[in-house]
Amino acid sequence: MSYYGVIGSGNFGTAMANVMALNGKVLIYVRRQEVYDNILHKRFNRGQKMHPNVRPTLSLEEVAENCKIIVPLVPSSNFRDMMKKAAPCLTPEHILIHGTKGLGLSIPSKTEMDKAIPLRREYIQTMSDIIQQESVVIRVGCLSGPNLSKEIANNEPTATVVASRFDEVISKGKEALRGSMFRVYGSHDVLGVELAGVLKNIMALGAGMLRGLNFGENSKAMLISRGLGEMIKLGNALGADTTAFLGVAGVGDLVATCSSHLSRNHTVGYRLAKGEELQAIVTDMNQVVEGIKTVRIAKGIAMYYQLELPIVEGLYRVLYEGDSIANCMEYLMSHGFDKDVDFY
């Protein structure tokens, strides 16, 4: 019997396994025995009731053997290691559609990147890049959109985008993911969709700070609109098309994560504005907060391509140079830009 495969049993992986279970049998790869036991016997994981069609496994080999379509949903910091472990089991017949909203780096230096350095496209590793670097899989795609896992688990209506240069991947992705409350759109701009999902995390940090400072909707709207422009500039510099940022995976995801306390990045920004220390927040959350690393990467891209990105610059100063949020706000409000739409 053929299954859909999910690699990763976090909140998002669990929610997506349940979505895919509406369309067929699902194998979800987990690393820990206790998680395996909870899913198999108690039928619960991460507070979510598991669909009867979902079966756990501790074996990547079993996933590869039984699943033609595999959806990796692990943090970017673990993604390459996961692909290295899975690669010996994968063949060109597999289709991988990842949902990881993060970036990796491949810098030709053994020096640790403890501060921003100029970064050109060759140094930036999307998760699709990593899949193709570490495996023989050819048909690769990504999914991205306003997909907060708690709302998906509650069966609230939302949408995502499956992006791939292969029509078959888009078609198979739609078959696997579609549901009465889960709409799936298609795109051929893989890079644009991936970058949109990653870069919005930067703006979610800023939106959380605004909420922590008790600012209202005007401030958030300004951040979202100006932040979208900075995302587009970054995407264009790396070779992505503008249109990817104007759809569900771009502005849709941006609005969701900038507006919701369910967003990890939004939560970090909020707690920073309330006076907590960054390291203490990250330690307490015990979850990957992609936006923190992404701010540094975006700063490096801006340095190389000579982009003026006031929001990225201000957040970089707060997160990496110890500047105050008050100084960041003063910098943003006094910046010399006076043109509304400046990203085309």
C-alpha atoms as a PDB file:
ATOM      1  CA  MET A   1       0.000   0.000   0.000  1.00  0.00           C
ATOM      2  CA  SER A   2       1.290   3.448  -0.911  1.00  0.00           C
ATOM      3  CA  TYR A   3       1.506   6.142   1.759  1.00  0.00           C
ATOM      4  CA  TYR A   4       2.200   9.833   1.957  1.00  0.00           C
ATOM      5  CA  GLY A   5       5.285  10.497   4.055  1.00  0.00           C
ATOM      6  CA  VAL A   6       5.888  13.236   6.627  1.00  0.00           C
ATOM      7  CA  ILE A   7       9.304  13.766   8.203  1.00  0.00           C
ATOM      8  CA  GLY A   8       8.999  15.699  11.452  1.00  0.00           C
ATOM      9  CA  SER A   9       6.527  15.379  14.309  1.00  0.00           C
ATOM     10  CA  GLY A  10       6.483  18.944  15.636  1.00  0.00           C
ATOM     11  CA  ASN A  11       3.340  21.053  15.753  1.00  0.00           C
ATOM     12  CA  PHE A  12       3.342  21.733  12.001  1.00  0.00           C
ATOM     13  CA  GLY A  13       4.339  18.220  10.986  1.00  0.00           C
ATOM     14  CA  THR A  14       1.591  16.761  13.141  1.00  0.00           C
ATOM     15  CA  ALA A  15      -1.035  19.139  11.750  1.00  0.00           C
ATOM     16  CA  MET A  16      -0.005  18.476   8.145  1.00  0.00           C
ATOM     17  CA  ALA A  17      -0.001  14.717   8.678  1.00  0.00           C
ATOM     18  CA  ASN A  18      -3.630  15.000   9.760  1.00  0.00           C
ATOM     19  CA  VAL A  19      -4.447  17.128   6.705  1.00  0.00           C
ATOM     20  CA  MET A  20      -2.840  14.616   4.340  1.00  0.00           C
ATOM     21  CA  ALA A  21      -4.612  11.762   6.133  1.00  0.00           C
ATOM     22  CA  LEU A  22      -7.868  13.059   4.659  1.00  0.00           C
ATOM     23  CA  ASN A  23      -6.519  12.020   1.238  1.00  0.00           C
ATOM     24  CA  GLY A  24      -4.760   8.745   2.032  1.00  0.00           C
ATOM     25  CA  LYS A  25      -2.594   6.772   4.446  1.00  0.00           C
ATOM     26  CA  VAL A  26       0.262   8.696   6.089  1.00  0.00           C
ATOM     27  CA  LEU A  27       3.563   7.564   7.587  1.00  0.00           C
ATOM     28  CA  ILE A  28       5.008  10.158   9.974  1.00  0.00           C
ATOM     29  CA  TYR A  29       8.666   9.803  10.898  1.00  0.00           C
ATOM     30  CA  VAL A  30       9.490  10.491  14.559  1.00  0.00           C
ATOM     31  CA  ARG A  31      12.842  10.330  16.321  1.00  0.00           C
ATOM     32  CA  ARG A  32      11.805   9.464  19.868  1.00  0.00           C
ATOM     33  CA  GLN A  33      10.217   6.267  21.148  1.00  0.00           C
ATOM     34  CA  GLU A  34       7.858   8.136  23.473  1.00  0.00           C
ATOM     35  CA  VAL A  35       6.433  10.150  20.555  1.00  0.00           C
ATOM     36  CA  TYR A  36       6.045   6.947  18.551  1.00  0.00           C
ATOM     37  CA  ASP A  37       4.175   5.292  21.446  1.00  0.00           C
ATOM     38  CA  ASN A  38       1.894   8.276  21.993  1.00  0.00           C
ATOM     39  CA  ILE A  39       0.868   8.393  18.340  1.00  0.00           C
ATOM     40  CA  LEU A  40       0.491   4.629  17.970  1.00  0.00           C
ATOM     41  CA  HIS A  41      -1.305   3.843  21.227  1.00  0.00           C
ATOM     42  CA  LYS A  42      -2.757   7.072  22.616  1.00  0.00           C
ATOM     43  CA  ARG A  43      -3.426   8.612  19.181  1.00  0.00           C
ATOM     44  CA  PHE A  44      -2.224  12.018  20.340  1.00  0.00           C
ATOM     45  CA  ASN A  45       0.801  14.198  19.624  1.00  0.00           C
ATOM     46  CA  ARG A  46       1.506  17.838  20.451  1.00  0.00           C
ATOM     47  CA  GLY A  47      -2.003  18.160  21.855  1.00  0.00           C
ATOM     48  CA  GLN A  48      -3.521  17.032  18.549  1.00  0.00           C
ATOM     49  CA  LYS A  49      -5.678  13.972  18.059  1.00  0.00           C
ATOM     50  CA  MET A  50      -4.229  11.840  15.293  1.00  0.00           C
ATOM     51  CA  HIS A  51      -6.333  10.829  12.301  1.00  0.00           C
ATOM     52  CA  PRO A  52      -6.823   7.035  12.020  1.00  0.00           C
ATOM     53  CA  ASN A  53      -4.929   7.089   8.696  1.00  0.00           C
ATOM     54  CA  VAL A  54      -1.717   8.316  10.357  1.00  0.00           C
ATOM     55  CA  ARG A  55       0.851   5.724  11.417  1.00  0.00           C
ATOM     56  CA  PRO A  56       4.180   6.561  13.107  1.00  0.00           C
ATOM     57  CA  THR A  57       7.552   5.109  12.234  1.00  0.00           C
ATOM     58  CA  LEU A  58      11.057   5.375  13.652  1.00  0.00           C
ATOM     59  CA  SER A  59      12.602   4.453  10.309  1.00  0.00           C
ATOM     60  CA  LEU A  60      13.451   6.793   7.435  1.00  0.00           C
ATOM     61  CA  GLU A  61      13.993   3.671   5.356  1.00  0.00           C
ATOM     62  CA  GLU A  62      10.368   2.683   5.900  1.00  0.00           C
ATOM     63  CA  VAL A  63       9.207   6.124   4.817  1.00  0.00           C
ATOM     64  CA  ALA A  64      11.272   5.992   1.629  1.00  0.00           C
ATOM     65  CA  GLU A  65      10.223   2.433   0.840  1.00  0.00           C
ATOM     66  CA  ASN A  66       6.496   3.084   1.208  1.00  0.00           C
ATOM     67  CA  CYS A  67       6.062   6.729   0.200  1.00  0.00           C
ATOM     68  CA  LYS A  68       6.582   8.266  -3.221  1.00  0.00           C
ATOM     69  CA  ILE A  69       5.569  11.722  -1.965  1.00  0.00           C
ATOM     70  CA  ILE A  70       7.456  12.857   1.140  1.00  0.00           C
ATOM     71  CA  VAL A  71       6.970  16.131   2.986  1.00  0.00           C
ATOM     72  CA  PRO A  72       9.948  17.106   5.219  1.00  0.00           C
ATOM     73  CA  LEU A  73       8.898  19.502   7.983  1.00  0.00           C
ATOM     74  CA  VAL A  74      11.932  19.940  10.228  1.00  0.00           C
ATOM     75  CA  PRO A  75      13.746  23.137  11.353  1.00  0.00           C
ATOM     76  CA  SER A  76      16.340  24.548   8.975  1.00  0.00           C
ATOM     77  CA  SER A  77      19.097  23.942  11.538  1.00  0.00           C
ATOM     78  CA  ASN A  78      18.420  20.181  11.311  1.00  0.00           C
ATOM     79  CA  PHE A  79      17.444  19.993   7.660  1.00  0.00           C
ATOM     80  CA  ARG A  80      20.789  19.087   6.097  1.00  0.00           C
ATOM     81  CA  ASP A  81      21.515  16.417   8.697  1.00  0.00           C
ATOM     82  CA  MET A  82      18.069  14.948   8.099  1.00  0.00           C
ATOM     83  CA  MET A  83      18.661  14.884   4.343  1.00  0.00           C
ATOM     84  CA  LYS A  84      22.039  13.201   4.778  1.00  0.00           C
ATOM     85  CA  LYS A  85      20.367  10.447   6.805  1.00  0.00           C
ATOM     86  CA  ALA A  86      17.504  10.054   4.362  1.00  0.00           C
ATOM     87  CA  ALA A  87      19.566  10.316   1.156  1.00  0.00           C
ATOM     88  CA  PRO A  88      20.740   6.678   0.946  1.00  0.00           C
ATOM     89  CA  CYS A  89      17.097   5.576   0.916  1.00  0.00           C
ATOM     90  CA  LEU A  90      15.890   8.049  -1.712  1.00  0.00           C
ATOM     91  CA  THR A  91      15.728   7.571  -5.480  1.00  0.00           C
ATOM     92  CA  PRO A  92      14.921   9.812  -8.465  1.00  0.00           C
ATOM     93  CA  GLU A  93      11.381   8.382  -8.307  1.00  0.00           C
ATOM     94  CA  HIS A  94      10.632  10.222  -5.074  1.00  0.00           C
ATOM     95  CA  ILE A  95       8.917  13.600  -4.844  1.00  0.00           C
ATOM     96  CA  LEU A  96       9.936  15.821  -1.912  1.00  0.00           C
ATOM     97  CA  ILE A  97       7.845  18.873  -1.003  1.00  0.00           C
ATOM     98  CA  HIS A  98       9.324  20.582   2.044  1.00  0.00           C
ATOM     99  CA  GLY A  99       7.609  23.083   4.320  1.00  0.00           C
ATOM    100  CA  THR A 100      10.602  24.468   6.210  1.00  0.00           C
ATOM    101  CA  LYS A 101      10.700  28.271   6.373  1.00  0.00           C
ATOM    102  CA  GLY A 102      14.396  28.871   6.901  1.00  0.00           C
ATOM    103  CA  LEU A 103      17.730  29.383   5.167  1.00  0.00           C
ATOM    104  CA  GLY A 104      21.109  27.746   5.446  1.00  0.00           C
ATOM    105  CA  LEU A 105      24.529  29.147   4.654  1.00  0.00           C
ATOM    106  CA  SER A 106      27.476  27.740   2.750  1.00  0.00           C
ATOM    107  CA  ILE A 107      30.376  30.120   3.334  1.00  0.00           C
ATOM    108  CA  PRO A 108      33.839  29.212   1.992  1.00  0.00           C
ATOM    109  CA  SER A 109      35.496  29.944   5.317  1.00  0.00           C
ATOM    110  CA  LYS A 110      35.945  28.113   8.589  1.00  0.00           C
ATOM    111  CA  THR A 111      35.406  31.334  10.503  1.00  0.00           C
ATOM    112  CA  GLU A 112      32.178  31.359  12.502  1.00  0.00           C
ATOM    113  CA  MET A 113      29.748  33.988  11.274  1.00  0.00           C
ATOM    114  CA  ASP A 114      29.326  35.870  14.562  1.00  0.00           C
ATOM    115  CA  LYS A 115      28.420  39.085  12.765  1.00  0.00           C
ATOM    116  CA  ALA A 116      26.968  40.068   9.423  1.00  0.00           C
ATOM    117  CA  ILE A 117      29.193  39.627   6.393  1.00  0.00           C
ATOM    118  CA  PRO A 118      28.330  40.311   2.720  1.00  0.00           C
ATOM    119  CA  LEU A 119      26.372  37.371   1.334  1.00  0.00           C
ATOM    120  CA  ARG A 120      25.768  36.717  -2.356  1.00  0.00           C
ATOM    121  CA  ARG A 121      23.312  34.166  -3.743  1.00  0.00           C
ATOM    122  CA  GLU A 122      25.874  31.366  -3.901  1.00  0.00           C
ATOM    123  CA  TYR A 123      26.232  31.481  -0.122  1.00  0.00           C
ATOM    124  CA  ILE A 124      22.483  31.210   0.529  1.00  0.00           C
ATOM    125  CA  GLN A 125      21.071  27.701   0.812  1.00  0.00           C
ATOM    126  CA  THR A 126      17.318  27.231   0.509  1.00  0.00           C
ATOM    127  CA  MET A 127      15.896  23.925   1.669  1.00  0.00           C
ATOM    128  CA  SER A 128      15.258  22.999  -1.977  1.00  0.00           C
ATOM    129  CA  ASP A 129      18.962  23.606  -2.646  1.00  0.00           C
ATOM    130  CA  ILE A 130      19.867  21.295   0.222  1.00  0.00           C
ATOM    131  CA  ILE A 131      17.544  18.521  -0.976  1.00  0.00           C
ATOM    132  CA  GLN A 132      19.211  18.562  -4.387  1.00  0.00           C
ATOM    133  CA  GLN A 133      22.718  18.830  -2.956  1.00  0.00           C
ATOM    134  CA  GLU A 134      22.324  15.915  -0.565  1.00  0.00           C
ATOM    135  CA  SER A 135      20.171  13.475  -2.555  1.00  0.00           C
ATOM    136  CA  VAL A 136      19.387  12.195  -6.035  1.00  0.00           C
ATOM    137  CA  VAL A 137      15.829  13.515  -5.843  1.00  0.00           C
ATOM    138  CA  ILE A 138      14.971  15.596  -8.908  1.00  0.00           C
ATOM    139  CA  ARG A 139      11.310  16.482  -8.419  1.00  0.00           C
ATOM    140  CA  VAL A 140      11.447  18.971  -5.568  1.00  0.00           C
ATOM    141  CA  GLY A 141       8.911  21.486  -4.311  1.00  0.00           C
ATOM    142  CA  CYS A 142       8.021  23.576  -1.316  1.00  0.00           C
ATOM    143  CA  LEU A 143       4.829  24.571   0.443  1.00  0.00           C
ATOM    144  CA  SER A 144       4.325  27.920   2.129  1.00  0.00           C
ATOM    145  CA  GLY A 145       1.487  30.134   3.246  1.00  0.00           C
ATOM    146  CA  PRO A 146      -0.400  31.465   6.283  1.00  0.00           C
ATOM    147  CA  ASN A 147      -0.214  28.082   7.985  1.00  0.00           C
ATOM    148  CA  LEU A 148      -0.191  28.523  11.755  1.00  0.00           C
ATOM    149  CA  SER A 149      -0.286  24.946  13.023  1.00  0.00           C
ATOM    150  CA  LYS A 150      -2.777  25.503  15.841  1.00  0.00           C
ATOM    151  CA  GLU A 151      -5.351  26.948  13.452  1.00  0.00           C
ATOM    152  CA  ILE A 152      -4.812  24.106  10.977  1.00  0.00           C
ATOM    153  CA  ALA A 153      -5.304  21.631  13.835  1.00  0.00           C
ATOM    154  CA  ASN A 154      -8.565  23.400  14.698  1.00  0.00           C
ATOM    155  CA  ASN A 155      -9.718  22.908  11.090  1.00  0.00           C
ATOM    156  CA  GLU A 156      -9.951  26.635  10.439  1.00  0.00           C
ATOM    157  CA  PRO A 157      -9.936  27.684   6.759  1.00  0.00           C
ATOM    158  CA  THR A 158      -6.588  28.604   5.254  1.00  0.00           C
ATOM    159  CA  ALA A 159      -4.489  28.138   2.134  1.00  0.00           C
ATOM    160  CA  THR A 160      -0.973  27.280   1.074  1.00  0.00           C
ATOM    161  CA  VAL A 161       1.102  27.380  -2.097  1.00  0.00           C
ATOM    162  CA  VAL A 162       2.901  24.379  -3.551  1.00  0.00           C
ATOM    163  CA  ALA A 163       5.766  25.645  -5.700  1.00  0.00           C
ATOM    164  CA  SER A 164       7.888  23.599  -8.075  1.00  0.00           C
ATOM    165  CA  ARG A 165       9.319  23.847 -11.575  1.00  0.00           C
ATOM    166  CA  PHE A 166       7.561  20.539 -12.258  1.00  0.00           C
ATOM    167  CA  ASP A 167       3.826  20.515 -12.967  1.00  0.00           C
ATOM    168  CA  GLU A 168       3.656  16.952 -11.649  1.00  0.00           C
ATOM    169  CA  VAL A 169       4.939  18.055  -8.233  1.00  0.00           C
ATOM    170  CA  ILE A 170       2.341  20.805  -8.031  1.00  0.00           C
ATOM    171  CA  SER A 171      -0.422  18.406  -9.092  1.00  0.00           C
ATOM    172  CA  LYS A 172       0.638  15.653  -6.670  1.00  0.00           C
ATOM    173  CA  GLY A 173       1.064  18.204  -3.900  1.00  0.00           C
ATOM    174  CA  LYS A 174      -2.470  19.440  -4.406  1.00  0.00           C
ATOM    175  CA  GLU A 175      -3.786  15.873  -4.308  1.00  0.00           C
ATOM    176  CA  ALA A 176      -1.959  15.163  -1.059  1.00  0.00           C
ATOM    177  CA  LEU A 177      -2.770  18.389   0.790  1.00  0.00           C
ATOM    178  CA  ARG A 178      -6.175  19.569  -0.337  1.00  0.00           C
ATOM    179  CA  GLY A 179      -9.081  19.576   2.081  1.00  0.00           C
ATOM    180  CA  SER A 180     -12.413  21.271   2.644  1.00  0.00           C
ATOM    181  CA  MET A 181     -10.694  23.828   4.888  1.00  0.00           C
ATOM    182  CA  PHE A 182      -7.234  23.713   3.292  1.00  0.00           C
ATOM    183  CA  ARG A 183      -6.940  25.350  -0.140  1.00  0.00           C
ATOM    184  CA  VAL A 184      -3.817  24.669  -2.234  1.00  0.00           C
ATOM    185  CA  TYR A 185      -2.526  26.968  -4.978  1.00  0.00           C
ATOM    186  CA  GLY A 186       0.339  26.342  -7.382  1.00  0.00           C
ATOM    187  CA  SER A 187       3.406  28.325  -8.450  1.00  0.00           C
ATOM    188  CA  HIS A 188       6.526  27.746 -10.541  1.00  0.00           C
ATOM    189  CA  ASP A 189       8.584  30.358  -8.648  1.00  0.00           C
ATOM    190  CA  VAL A 190      10.144  28.034  -6.077  1.00  0.00           C
ATOM    191  CA  LEU A 191      12.757  30.550  -4.956  1.00  0.00           C
ATOM    192  CA  GLY A 192      10.217  33.339  -4.544  1.00  0.00           C
ATOM    193  CA  VAL A 193       7.807  31.216  -2.520  1.00  0.00           C
ATOM    194  CA  GLU A 194      10.615  29.906  -0.309  1.00  0.00           C
ATOM    195  CA  LEU A 195      12.073  33.349   0.322  1.00  0.00           C
ATOM    196  CA  ALA A 196       8.659  34.870   1.035  1.00  0.00           C
ATOM    197  CA  GLY A 197       8.056  32.271   3.735  1.00  0.00           C
ATOM    198  CA  VAL A 198      11.469  32.883   5.264  1.00  0.00           C
ATOM    199  CA  LEU A 199      11.723  36.665   5.123  1.00  0.00           C
ATOM    200  CA  LYS A 200       8.328  37.311   6.664  1.00  0.00           C
ATOM    201  CA  ASN A 201       9.791  35.994   9.948  1.00  0.00           C
ATOM    202  CA  ILE A 202      11.882  39.169  10.154  1.00  0.00           C
ATOM    203  CA  MET A 203       8.789  41.344  10.007  1.00  0.00           C
ATOM    204  CA  ALA A 204       6.999  39.165  12.558  1.00  0.00           C
ATOM    205  CA  LEU A 205       9.764  39.979  15.047  1.00  0.00           C
ATOM    206  CA  GLY A 206       9.147  43.673  14.421  1.00  0.00           C
ATOM    207  CA  ALA A 207       5.377  43.281  14.716  1.00  0.00           C
ATOM    208  CA  GLY A 208       5.797  41.561  18.057  1.00  0.00           C
ATOM    209  CA  MET A 209       7.906  44.464  19.265  1.00  0.00           C
ATOM    210  CA  LEU A 210       5.189  46.913  18.245  1.00  0.00           C
ATOM    211  CA  ARG A 211       2.618  44.932  20.212  1.00  0.00           C
ATOM    212  CA  GLY A 212       4.952  44.781  23.188  1.00  0.00           C
ATOM    213  CA  LEU A 213       5.207  48.578  23.067  1.00  0.00           C
ATOM    214  CA  ASN A 214       1.370  48.770  23.069  1.00  0.00           C
ATOM    215  CA  PHE A 215       1.235  50.350  19.623  1.00  0.00           C
ATOM    216  CA  GLY A 216      -1.887  49.820  17.534  1.00  0.00           C
ATOM    217  CA  GLU A 217      -3.026  48.894  14.067  1.00  0.00           C
ATOM    218  CA  ASN A 218      -1.578  51.930  12.272  1.00  0.00           C
ATOM    219  CA  SER A 219       1.934  50.969  13.344  1.00  0.00           C
ATOM    220  CA  LYS A 220       1.440  47.333  12.387  1.00  0.00           C
ATOM    221  CA  ALA A 221       0.034  48.277   8.980  1.00  0.00           C
ATOM    222  CA  MET A 222       3.015  50.520   8.324  1.00  0.00           C
ATOM    223  CA  LEU A 223       5.418  47.731   9.275  1.00  0.00           C
ATOM    224  CA  ILE A 224       3.647  45.168   7.089  1.00  0.00           C
ATOM    225  CA  SER A 225       3.527  47.403   4.013  1.00  0.00           C
ATOM    226  CA  ARG A 226       7.086  48.701   4.313  1.00  0.00           C
ATOM    227  CA  GLY A 227       8.298  45.267   5.359  1.00  0.00           C
ATOM    228  CA  LEU A 228       6.780  43.706   2.257  1.00  0.00           C
ATOM    229  CA  GLY A 229       8.811  46.141   0.160  1.00  0.00           C
ATOM    230  CA  GLU A 230      12.030  45.079   1.909  1.00  0.00           C
ATOM    231  CA  MET A 231      11.170  41.402   1.391  1.00  0.00           C
ATOM    232  CA  ILE A 232      10.654  42.020  -2.325  1.00  0.00           C
ATOM    233  CA  LYS A 233      13.978  43.862  -2.636  1.00  0.00           C
ATOM    234  CA  LEU A 234      15.779  40.965  -0.963  1.00  0.00           C
ATOM    235  CA  GLY A 235      13.981  38.416  -3.126  1.00  0.00           C
ATOM    236  CA  ASN A 236      14.689  40.292  -6.344  1.00  0.00           C
ATOM    237  CA  ALA A 237      18.375  40.583  -5.454  1.00  0.00           C
ATOM    238  CA  LEU A 238      18.562  36.796  -5.088  1.00  0.00           C
ATOM    239  CA  GLY A 239      16.710  36.130  -8.346  1.00  0.00           C
ATOM    240  CA  ALA A 240      13.073  35.714  -7.261  1.00  0.00           C
ATOM    241  CA  ASP A 241      10.124  37.293  -9.033  1.00  0.00           C
ATOM    242  CA  THR A 242       8.047  39.983  -7.303  1.00  0.00           C
ATOM    243  CA  THR A 243       4.722  38.212  -7.849  1.00  0.00           C
ATOM    244  CA  ALA A 244       5.515  35.431  -5.361  1.00  0.00           C
ATOM    245  CA  PHE A 245       5.518  38.034  -2.591  1.00  0.00           C
ATOM    246  CA  LEU A 246       2.093  39.382  -3.530  1.00  0.00           C
ATOM    247  CA  GLY A 247       0.139  36.161  -3.049  1.00  0.00           C
ATOM    248  CA  VAL A 248      -0.780  33.720  -0.308  1.00  0.00           C
ATOM    249  CA  ALA A 249       2.821  32.689   0.409  1.00  0.00           C
ATOM    250  CA  GLY A 250       3.945  36.324   0.562  1.00  0.00           C
ATOM    251  CA  VAL A 251       1.585  38.964   1.864  1.00  0.00           C
ATOM    252  CA  GLY A 252      -0.819  36.272   3.126  1.00  0.00           C
ATOM    253  CA  ASP A 253       1.770  34.659   5.368  1.00  0.00           C
ATOM    254  CA  LEU A 254       3.173  38.072   6.290  1.00  0.00           C
ATOM    255  CA  VAL A 255      -0.176  39.330   7.600  1.00  0.00           C
ATOM    256  CA  ALA A 256      -0.792  36.108   9.542  1.00  0.00           C
ATOM    257  CA  THR A 257       2.546  36.026  11.329  1.00  0.00           C
ATOM    258  CA  CYS A 258       2.604  39.756  12.012  1.00  0.00           C
ATOM    259  CA  SER A 259      -0.861  39.606  13.547  1.00  0.00           C
ATOM    260  CA  SER A 260      -0.839  36.433  15.612  1.00  0.00           C
ATOM    261  CA  HIS A 261       0.531  35.679  19.055  1.00  0.00           C
ATOM    262  CA  LEU A 262       0.764  32.061  17.833  1.00  0.00           C
ATOM    263  CA  SER A 263       3.832  33.026  15.764  1.00  0.00           C
ATOM    264  CA  ARG A 264       7.129  32.220  17.518  1.00  0.00           C
ATOM    265  CA  ASN A 265       8.850  35.180  15.930  1.00  0.00           C
ATOM    266  CA  HIS A 266       6.037  37.530  16.926  1.00  0.00           C
ATOM    267  CA  THR A 267       6.279  36.187  20.486  1.00  0.00           C
ATOM    268  CA  VAL A 268      10.036  36.809  20.650  1.00  0.00           C
ATOM    269  CA  GLY A 269       9.601  40.401  19.480  1.00  0.00           C
ATOM    270  CA  TYR A 270       6.834  40.972  22.013  1.00  0.00           C
ATOM    271  CA  ARG A 271       8.870  39.638  24.914  1.00  0.00           C
ATOM    272  CA  LEU A 272      11.927  41.651  23.884  1.00  0.00           C
ATOM    273  CA  ALA A 273       9.817  44.808  23.944  1.00  0.00           C
ATOM    274  CA  LYS A 274       8.656  43.882  27.430  1.00  0.00           C
ATOM    275  CA  GLY A 275      12.258  43.931  28.626  1.00  0.00           C
ATOM    276  CA  GLU A 276      13.321  40.274  28.548  1.00  0.00           C
ATOM    277  CA  GLU A 277      16.746  39.219  27.302  1.00  0.00           C
ATOM    278  CA  LEU A 278      16.916  37.474  23.929  1.00  0.00           C
ATOM    279  CA  GLN A 279      18.856  34.425  25.104  1.00  0.00           C
ATOM    280  CA  ALA A 280      16.515  33.911  28.035  1.00  0.00           C
ATOM    281  CA  ILE A 281      13.499  34.046  25.726  1.00  0.00           C
ATOM    282  CA  VAL A 282      14.944  31.525  23.271  1.00  0.00           C
ATOM    283  CA  THR A 283      15.972  29.179  26.089  1.00  0.00           C
ATOM    284  CA  ASP A 284      12.549  29.407  27.683  1.00  0.00           C
ATOM    285  CA  MET A 285      10.691  28.765  24.425  1.00  0.00           C
ATOM    286  CA  ASN A 286      12.877  25.747  23.585  1.00  0.00           C
ATOM    287  CA  GLN A 287      11.862  26.073  19.937  1.00  0.00           C
ATOM    288  CA  VAL A 288      13.626  27.183  16.778  1.00  0.00           C
ATOM    289  CA  VAL A 289      12.920  30.856  16.024  1.00  0.00           C
ATOM    290  CA  GLU A 290      13.960  31.191  12.397  1.00  0.00           C
ATOM    291  CA  GLY A 291      13.634  34.978  12.232  1.00  0.00           C
ATOM    292  CA  ILE A 292      16.594  35.647  14.519  1.00  0.00           C
ATOM    293  CA  LYS A 293      19.076  33.986  12.159  1.00  0.00           C
ATOM    294  CA  THR A 294      17.238  35.341   9.133  1.00  0.00           C
ATOM    295  CA  VAL A 295      17.775  38.946  10.250  1.00  0.00           C
ATOM    296  CA  ARG A 296      21.540  38.396  10.150  1.00  0.00           C
ATOM    297  CA  ILE A 297      21.367  36.694   6.767  1.00  0.00           C
ATOM    298  CA  ALA A 298      19.195  39.492   5.353  1.00  0.00           C
ATOM    299  CA  LYS A 299      21.662  42.062   6.662  1.00  0.00           C
ATOM    300  CA  GLY A 300      24.472  40.217   4.860  1.00  0.00           C
ATOM    301  CA  ILE A 301      22.486  40.098   1.606  1.00  0.00           C
ATOM    302  CA  ALA A 302      21.784  43.821   1.898  1.00  0.00           C
ATOM    303  CA  MET A 303      25.494  44.501   2.389  1.00  0.00           C
ATOM    304  CA  TYR A 304      26.509  42.574  -0.722  1.00  0.00           C
ATOM    305  CA  TYR A 305      23.775  43.896  -3.024  1.00  0.00           C
ATOM    306  CA  GLN A 306      23.860  47.405  -1.530  1.00  0.00           C
ATOM    307  CA  LEU A 307      20.207  47.467  -0.514  1.00  0.00           C
ATOM    308  CA  GLU A 308      18.712  50.023   1.838  1.00  0.00           C
ATOM    309  CA  LEU A 309      16.525  48.052   4.228  1.00  0.00           C
ATOM    310  CA  PRO A 310      15.717  50.152   7.309  1.00  0.00           C
ATOM    311  CA  ILE A 311      13.607  47.525   9.078  1.00  0.00           C
ATOM    312  CA  VAL A 312      16.236  44.810   8.624  1.00  0.00           C
ATOM    313  CA  GLU A 313      18.945  47.251   9.723  1.00  0.00           C
ATOM    314  CA  GLY A 314      17.046  48.342  12.810  1.00  0.00           C
ATOM    315  CA  LEU A 315      16.254  44.800  13.906  1.00  0.00           C
ATOM    316  CA  TYR A 316      19.844  43.731  13.297  1.00  0.00           C
ATOM    317  CA  ARG A 317      21.041  46.482  15.614  1.00  0.00           C
ATOM    318  CA  VAL A 318      18.639  45.347  18.328  1.00  0.00           C
ATOM    319  CA  LEU A 319      19.348  41.618  18.050  1.00  0.00           C
ATOM    320  CA  TYR A 320      23.081  41.636  17.336  1.00  0.00           C
ATOM    321  CA  GLU A 321      24.502  44.951  18.471  1.00  0.00           C
ATOM    322  CA  GLY A 322      22.606  45.468  21.706  1.00  0.00           C
ATOM    323  CA  ASP A 323      20.826  48.616  20.575  1.00  0.00           C
ATOM    324  CA  SER A 324      17.531  49.525  22.222  1.00  0.00           C
ATOM    325  CA  ILE A 325      14.131  49.113  20.605  1.00  0.00           C
ATOM    326  CA  ALA A 326      13.518  52.797  21.296  1.00  0.00           C
ATOM    327  CA  ASN A 327      16.577  53.723  19.213  1.00  0.00           C
ATOM    328  CA  CYS A 328      15.388  51.341  16.500  1.00  0.00           C
ATOM    329  CA  MET A 329      12.027  53.097  16.372  1.00  0.00           C
ATOM    330  CA  GLU A 330      13.691  56.507  16.196  1.00  0.00           C
ATOM    331  CA  TYR A 331      15.919  55.292  13.352  1.00  0.00           C
ATOM    332  CA  LEU A 332      12.963  53.931  11.381  1.00  0.00           C
ATOM    333  CA  MET A 333      10.779  56.998  11.837  1.00  0.00           C
ATOM    334  CA  SER A 334      13.545  59.407  10.841  1.00  0.00           C
ATOM    335  CA  HIS A 335      14.877  57.451   7.854  1.00  0.00           C
ATOM    336  CA  GLY A 336      15.214  59.472   4.671  1.00  0.00           C
ATOM    337  CA  PHE A 337      12.948  57.365   2.410  1.00  0.00           C
ATOM    338  CA  ASP A 338      10.059  59.423   1.078  1.00  0.00           C
ATOM    339  CA  LYS A 339       8.744  57.309  -1.811  1.00  0.00           C
ATOM    340  CA  ASP A 340       5.843  55.011  -1.026  1.00  0.00           C
ATOM    341  CA  VAL A 341       6.361  52.100  -3.436  1.00  0.00           C
ATOM    342  CA  ASP A 342      10.072  51.751  -4.158  1.00  0.00           C
ATOM    343  CA  PHE A 343      10.574  48.062  -4.874  1.00  0.00           C
ATOM    344  CA  TYR A 344       9.903  47.768  -8.599  1.00  0.00           C
END
